[in-house]
Amino acid sequence: MSSRRSRSRQSGSSRITDDQIHDLVTKLQQLLPGIRERRSDKVSAARVLQETCNYIRSLHREVDDLSERLSELLATTDTAQAAIIRNLLMQ
């Protein structure tokens, strides 16, 4: 056992356990589209975390793109239609 792990186990119950880390990584793996299909293969925790970061970045890009497209749509739509769309988005 590494010294870091042994220190964390000695310092109290507020620390996360190896089993909890494993469970969280497994849950992340199930949420990621690219890894979910490869569930039968062994995937390292580092790989799951890297894929999670990549997926979050791609979601951010997608949100930015959709926000830009919506802004362009609202700019080209008449005022009444734009107001309706804004009201729907605020709900």
Protein backbone atom coordinates (compact mmCIF):
# COMPACT_ATOMS: atom_id res chain seq x y z
CA MET A 1 0.00 0.00 0.00
CA SER A 2 1.36 3.44 -0.84
CA SER A 3 2.27 5.83 1.94
CA ARG A 4 -0.34 8.31 0.69
CA ARG A 5 -3.09 5.72 0.97
CA SER A 6 -1.99 4.58 4.39
CA ARG A 7 -1.87 8.19 5.62
CA SER A 8 -5.35 8.86 4.27
CA ARG A 9 -6.77 5.82 6.03
CA GLN A 10 -5.14 6.81 9.29
CA SER A 11 -6.37 10.41 9.18
CA GLY A 12 -10.03 9.59 9.75
CA SER A 13 -13.26 8.53 8.17
CA SER A 14 -13.81 11.79 6.26
CA ARG A 15 -11.51 10.57 3.50
CA ILE A 16 -12.86 8.75 0.48
CA THR A 17 -12.04 5.06 0.30
CA ASP A 18 -10.59 3.16 -2.63
CA ASP A 19 -13.92 1.36 -3.03
CA GLN A 20 -15.76 4.67 -3.21
CA ILE A 21 -13.33 5.93 -5.85
CA HIS A 22 -13.84 2.73 -7.83
CA ASP A 23 -17.63 3.11 -7.62
CA LEU A 24 -17.47 6.75 -8.74
CA VAL A 25 -15.20 5.93 -11.68
CA THR A 26 -17.58 3.11 -12.68
CA LYS A 27 -20.52 5.52 -12.57
CA LEU A 28 -18.61 8.04 -14.70
CA GLN A 29 -17.76 5.31 -17.16
CA GLN A 30 -21.45 4.45 -17.54
CA LEU A 31 -22.27 8.09 -18.31
CA LEU A 32 -19.68 8.57 -21.03
CA PRO A 33 -20.90 7.70 -24.53
CA GLY A 34 -17.46 6.72 -25.85
CA ILE A 35 -16.61 4.39 -23.00
CA ARG A 36 -20.07 3.05 -22.19
CA GLU A 37 -20.00 0.77 -25.24
CA ARG A 38 -16.62 -0.67 -24.18
CA ARG A 39 -17.82 -1.69 -20.72
CA SER A 40 -16.53 -5.26 -21.11
CA ASP A 41 -12.99 -3.98 -21.64
CA LYS A 42 -10.91 -2.91 -18.68
CA VAL A 43 -10.54 0.85 -18.75
CA SER A 44 -8.21 2.60 -16.33
CA ALA A 45 -9.49 5.26 -13.95
CA ALA A 46 -7.10 7.73 -15.57
CA ARG A 47 -8.63 6.98 -18.98
CA VAL A 48 -12.16 7.45 -17.60
CA LEU A 49 -11.19 10.80 -16.06
CA GLN A 50 -9.52 11.92 -19.30
CA GLU A 51 -12.57 10.94 -21.34
CA THR A 52 -14.79 12.76 -18.83
CA CYS A 53 -12.76 15.95 -19.28
CA ASN A 54 -12.91 15.59 -23.07
CA TYR A 55 -16.66 15.01 -22.97
CA ILE A 56 -17.25 18.05 -20.75
CA ARG A 57 -15.16 20.18 -23.13
CA SER A 58 -17.20 18.96 -26.10
CA LEU A 59 -20.44 19.74 -24.25
CA HIS A 60 -19.15 23.26 -23.54
CA ARG A 61 -18.35 23.74 -27.24
CA GLU A 62 -21.81 22.47 -28.17
CA VAL A 63 -23.50 24.86 -25.70
CA ASP A 64 -21.44 27.76 -27.05
CA ASP A 65 -22.37 26.84 -30.62
CA LEU A 66 -26.07 26.51 -29.80
CA SER A 67 -26.02 29.80 -27.89
CA GLU A 68 -24.45 31.54 -30.87
CA ARG A 69 -26.98 30.02 -33.26
CA LEU A 70 -29.85 31.03 -30.98
CA SER A 71 -28.53 34.60 -30.76
CA GLU A 72 -28.35 34.76 -34.56
CA LEU A 73 -31.88 33.38 -34.83
CA LEU A 74 -33.23 35.91 -32.34
CA ALA A 75 -31.46 38.73 -34.18
CA THR A 76 -33.13 37.80 -37.48
CA THR A 77 -36.60 37.15 -36.04
CA ASP A 78 -39.16 39.89 -35.61
CA THR A 79 -39.59 41.36 -32.15
CA ALA A 80 -42.83 39.53 -31.27
CA GLN A 81 -41.43 36.12 -32.22
CA ALA A 82 -38.18 36.84 -30.40
CA ALA A 83 -40.13 37.78 -27.27
CA ILE A 84 -42.07 34.50 -27.44
CA ILE A 85 -38.85 32.52 -27.81
CA ARG A 86 -37.23 34.37 -24.91
CA ASN A 87 -40.27 33.71 -22.71
CA LEU A 88 -40.15 29.99 -23.56
CA LEU A 89 -36.45 29.85 -22.71
CA MET A 90 -37.00 31.52 -19.34
CA GLN A 91 -39.55 28.90 -18.23
